[in-house]
Each structure stands twice: as C-alpha cells, then as structure tokens.
C-alpha atoms as a PDB file:
ATOM      1  CA  MET A   1     -24.180 -15.111-100.433  1.00  0.00           C
ATOM      2  CA  SER A   2     -27.164 -14.826 -98.203  1.00  0.00           C
ATOM      3  CA  GLY A   3     -27.586 -11.962 -95.769  1.00  0.00           C
ATOM      4  CA  VAL A   4     -26.567 -14.043 -92.761  1.00  0.00           C
ATOM      5  CA  SER A   5     -23.435 -15.453 -94.369  1.00  0.00           C
ATOM      6  CA  THR A   6     -22.475 -12.007 -95.667  1.00  0.00           C
ATOM      7  CA  ALA A   7     -22.811 -10.559 -92.168  1.00  0.00           C
ATOM      8  CA  ALA A   8     -20.784 -13.430 -90.702  1.00  0.00           C
ATOM      9  CA  TYR A   9     -18.122 -12.994 -93.382  1.00  0.00           C
ATOM     10  CA  LEU A  10     -17.892  -9.250 -92.744  1.00  0.00           C
ATOM     11  CA  ALA A  11     -17.713  -9.785 -88.986  1.00  0.00           C
ATOM     12  CA  ARG A  12     -14.910 -12.323 -89.389  1.00  0.00           C
ATOM     13  CA  ARG A  13     -12.993 -10.020 -91.746  1.00  0.00           C
ATOM     14  CA  ALA A  14     -13.379  -7.130 -89.286  1.00  0.00           C
ATOM     15  CA  ALA A  15     -12.028  -9.317 -86.479  1.00  0.00           C
ATOM     16  CA  GLN A  16      -9.109 -10.347 -88.677  1.00  0.00           C
ATOM     17  CA  LYS A  17      -8.302  -6.741 -89.536  1.00  0.00           C
ATOM     18  CA  GLU A  18      -8.303  -5.886 -85.843  1.00  0.00           C
ATOM     19  CA  ARG A  19      -5.984  -8.807 -85.007  1.00  0.00           C
ATOM     20  CA  VAL A  20      -3.591  -7.782 -87.796  1.00  0.00           C
ATOM     21  CA  ARG A  21      -3.618  -4.173 -86.591  1.00  0.00           C
ATOM     22  CA  ILE A  22      -2.883  -5.229 -83.010  1.00  0.00           C
ATOM     23  CA  LEU A  23      -0.137  -7.617 -84.143  1.00  0.00           C
ATOM     24  CA  TYR A  24       1.483  -4.914 -86.291  1.00  0.00           C
ATOM     25  CA  ARG A  25       1.441  -2.343 -83.493  1.00  0.00           C
ATOM     26  CA  ARG A  26       2.846  -4.777 -80.930  1.00  0.00           C
ATOM     27  CA  ALA A  27       5.584  -5.897 -83.324  1.00  0.00           C
ATOM     28  CA  LEU A  28       6.429  -2.292 -84.205  1.00  0.00           C
ATOM     29  CA  LYS A  29       6.698  -1.300 -80.543  1.00  0.00           C
ATOM     30  CA  ASP A  30       8.819  -4.363 -79.847  1.00  0.00           C
ATOM     31  CA  THR A  31      11.082  -3.461 -82.772  1.00  0.00           C
ATOM     32  CA  LEU A  32      11.868  -0.246 -80.931  1.00  0.00           C
ATOM     33  CA  ASN A  33      13.087  -2.343 -77.978  1.00  0.00           C
ATOM     34  CA  TRP A  34      15.578  -4.187 -80.193  1.00  0.00           C
ATOM     35  CA  ALA A  35      16.927  -1.131 -82.015  1.00  0.00           C
ATOM     36  CA  VAL A  36      19.822   0.621 -80.329  1.00  0.00           C
ATOM     37  CA  HIS A  37      19.700   3.695 -82.546  1.00  0.00           C
ATOM     38  CA  ARG A  38      16.775   5.398 -84.215  1.00  0.00           C
ATOM     39  CA  HIS A  39      18.171   4.942 -87.748  1.00  0.00           C
ATOM     40  CA  LEU A  40      18.276   1.178 -87.118  1.00  0.00           C
ATOM     41  CA  PHE A  41      14.689   1.281 -85.932  1.00  0.00           C
ATOM     42  CA  TYR A  42      13.569   3.023 -89.118  1.00  0.00           C
ATOM     43  CA  GLN A  43      15.079   0.265 -91.259  1.00  0.00           C
ATOM     44  CA  ASP A  44      13.572  -2.488 -89.100  1.00  0.00           C
ATOM     45  CA  ALA A  45      10.180  -0.760 -89.119  1.00  0.00           C
ATOM     46  CA  SER A  46      10.325  -0.484 -92.897  1.00  0.00           C
ATOM     47  CA  ASP A  47      11.164  -4.194 -93.200  1.00  0.00           C
ATOM     48  CA  LEU A  48       8.284  -5.069 -90.871  1.00  0.00           C
ATOM     49  CA  ARG A  49       5.877  -2.978 -92.929  1.00  0.00           C
ATOM     50  CA  GLU A  50       7.027  -4.726 -96.106  1.00  0.00           C
ATOM     51  CA  LYS A  51       6.297  -8.112 -94.522  1.00  0.00           C
ATOM     52  CA  PHE A  52       2.751  -7.022 -93.700  1.00  0.00           C
ATOM     53  CA  ASP A  53       2.190  -5.372 -97.091  1.00  0.00           C
ATOM     54  CA  ALA A  54       3.384  -8.489 -98.942  1.00  0.00           C
ATOM     55  CA  ASN A  55       0.278 -10.367 -97.768  1.00  0.00           C
ATOM     56  CA  LYS A  56      -2.195  -7.532 -98.150  1.00  0.00           C
ATOM     57  CA  HIS A  57      -3.789  -9.078-101.240  1.00  0.00           C
ATOM     58  CA  VAL A  58      -4.797 -12.394 -99.596  1.00  0.00           C
ATOM     59  CA  GLU A  59      -8.604 -12.815 -99.532  1.00  0.00           C
ATOM     60  CA  ASP A  60      -9.190 -16.368 -98.233  1.00  0.00           C
ATOM     61  CA  VAL A  61     -10.299 -16.087 -94.602  1.00  0.00           C
ATOM     62  CA  ASP A  62      -8.828 -19.440 -93.559  1.00  0.00           C
ATOM     63  CA  THR A  63      -5.458 -18.527 -95.059  1.00  0.00           C
ATOM     64  CA  ILE A  64      -5.590 -15.173 -93.293  1.00  0.00           C
ATOM     65  CA  ASP A  65      -6.353 -16.877 -89.956  1.00  0.00           C
ATOM     66  CA  ARG A  66      -3.408 -19.233 -90.474  1.00  0.00           C
ATOM     67  CA  MET A  67      -1.089 -16.334 -91.370  1.00  0.00           C
ATOM     68  CA  ILE A  68      -2.192 -14.347 -88.320  1.00  0.00           C
ATOM     69  CA  ALA A  69      -1.564 -17.353 -86.058  1.00  0.00           C
ATOM     70  CA  GLU A  70       1.902 -17.813 -87.592  1.00  0.00           C
ATOM     71  CA  GLY A  71       2.640 -14.104 -87.168  1.00  0.00           C
ATOM     72  CA  GLU A  72       1.570 -14.137 -83.522  1.00  0.00           C
ATOM     73  CA  ALA A  73       3.702 -17.240 -82.876  1.00  0.00           C
ATOM     74  CA  THR A  74       6.703 -15.561 -84.506  1.00  0.00           C
ATOM     75  CA  TYR A  75       6.105 -12.410 -82.488  1.00  0.00           C
ATOM     76  CA  ASN A  76       5.917 -14.367 -79.227  1.00  0.00           C
ATOM     77  CA  LYS A  77       9.072 -16.269 -80.142  1.00  0.00           C
ATOM     78  CA  TRP A  78      11.101 -13.114 -80.883  1.00  0.00           C
ATOM     79  CA  ARG A  79       9.710 -10.786 -78.214  1.00  0.00           C
ATOM     80  CA  HIS A  80      12.301  -8.772 -76.349  1.00  0.00           C
ATOM     81  CA  PRO A  81      13.076 -10.354 -72.964  1.00  0.00           C
ATOM     82  CA  ASP A  82      13.641  -6.995 -71.254  1.00  0.00           C
ATOM     83  CA  PRO A  83      11.460  -4.372 -72.977  1.00  0.00           C
ATOM     84  CA  TYR A  84      11.959  -0.676 -72.409  1.00  0.00           C
ATOM     85  CA  ILE A  85       9.502   0.751 -69.910  1.00  0.00           C
ATOM     86  CA  VAL A  86       9.019   4.484 -69.516  1.00  0.00           C
ATOM     87  CA  PRO A  87      10.435   5.300 -66.056  1.00  0.00           C
ATOM     88  CA  TRP A  88       7.254   6.802 -64.613  1.00  0.00           C
ATOM     89  CA  ALA A  89       4.960   4.072 -65.993  1.00  0.00           C
ATOM     90  CA  PRO A  90       4.011   1.009 -63.897  1.00  0.00           C
ATOM     91  CA  GLY A  91       7.065  -1.225 -63.845  1.00  0.00           C
ATOM     92  CA  GLY A  92       9.420   1.668 -64.564  1.00  0.00           C
ATOM     93  CA  SER A  93      12.325   2.678 -62.359  1.00  0.00           C
ATOM     94  CA  LYS A  94      10.656   5.856 -61.077  1.00  0.00           C
ATOM     95  CA  PHE A  95       7.163   4.459 -60.584  1.00  0.00           C
ATOM     96  CA  THR A  96       5.956   5.239 -57.048  1.00  0.00           C
ATOM     97  CA  ARG A  97       9.384   6.496 -56.066  1.00  0.00           C
ATOM     98  CA  ASN A  98       7.666   9.149 -53.958  1.00  0.00           C
ATOM     99  CA  PRO A  99       4.469   7.418 -52.906  1.00  0.00           C
ATOM    100  CA  THR A 100       1.686   9.287 -51.225  1.00  0.00           C
ATOM    101  CA  PRO A 101       1.832   9.119 -47.439  1.00  0.00           C
ATOM    102  CA  PRO A 102      -0.450   6.679 -45.665  1.00  0.00           C
ATOM    103  CA  ALA A 103      -3.778   7.840 -44.312  1.00  0.00           C
ATOM    104  CA  GLY A 104      -3.598   9.470 -40.908  1.00  0.00           C
ATOM    105  CA  ILE A 105      -0.240  11.171 -41.417  1.00  0.00           C
ATOM    106  CA  GLU A 106      -0.469  14.923 -41.548  1.00  0.00           C
ATOM    107  CA  ILE A 107       2.112  16.872 -43.525  1.00  0.00           C
ATOM    108  CA  LEU A 108       2.763  20.458 -42.498  1.00  0.00           C
ATOM    109  CA  TYR A 109       4.027  22.757 -45.172  1.00  0.00           C
ATOM    110  CA  ASP A 110       4.997  25.668 -42.926  1.00  0.00           C
ATOM    111  CA  TYR A 111       8.717  24.977 -43.371  1.00  0.00           C
ATOM    112  CA  GLY A 112       9.709  25.962 -39.822  1.00  0.00           C
ATOM    113  CA  ARG A 113       7.499  28.985 -39.441  1.00  0.00           C
ATOM    114  CA  GLU A 114       5.879  28.947 -36.066  1.00  0.00           C
ATOM    115  CA  ASP A 115       2.731  30.597 -34.947  1.00  0.00           C
ATOM    116  CA  ASN A 116       3.511  33.479 -32.578  1.00  0.00           C
ATOM    117  CA  ASP A 117       0.365  33.419 -30.562  1.00  0.00           C
END
C-alpha cells in the first residue's frame, strides 16, 4: 500500500473502532434498563460481550461497516422505550425540583430574627 492509502485505511479503521466502542457502550447501558435484577444484567452483559467478541477477527473494512450498520439497526430496534434516568439528571424526577429563584427576589436567611435597632 502507498502512504496515502495506508493513512486512509488506518483512519477508517480508527473510525470503525470508535463506532463499535460507542455501540457497545450504548447497548450495555441499555441492557441495564431491561434487566430487573443485577444478576440478570450480568448474564445479559456477558451475552452481549460474546456477540461482539465473535466478530473480533473480521478484517475486511466493508464487512465491518456492514456489521456495524446492522448492529446499530438492531440496537435502535430493541432500545428500551422508557429508559432509567437518574433522578437528579435532566429528565429525571427530581431535576429542578427546587429551582433557583428568579432574579430580583431577595431571600433573607435570618429565620425570624429581627434587628433591634
């Protein structure tokens, strides 16, 4: 291979590795949404890892692109419709439960103590 094609090949492989990593992490986090108990999650996570490891040996870049596209389509098809959101994160049940007061409102923290001037 020439220097340009080698650089292009390496750049494409790096992009593929990044897409696979992102797909694996998203699928693993979504697996936690489907599992009711932690011991069920461990089994599902192990099965997911086996699916990714089964195709670790593939070297053809076009085949890898096709497999990534199929994996992303499968992930989108089986995504959890109501994912778990940490309560204090955006979209959670406690997010902005106690919002900051609007500008111009002064809060006194003297708790009933009055100045005796």
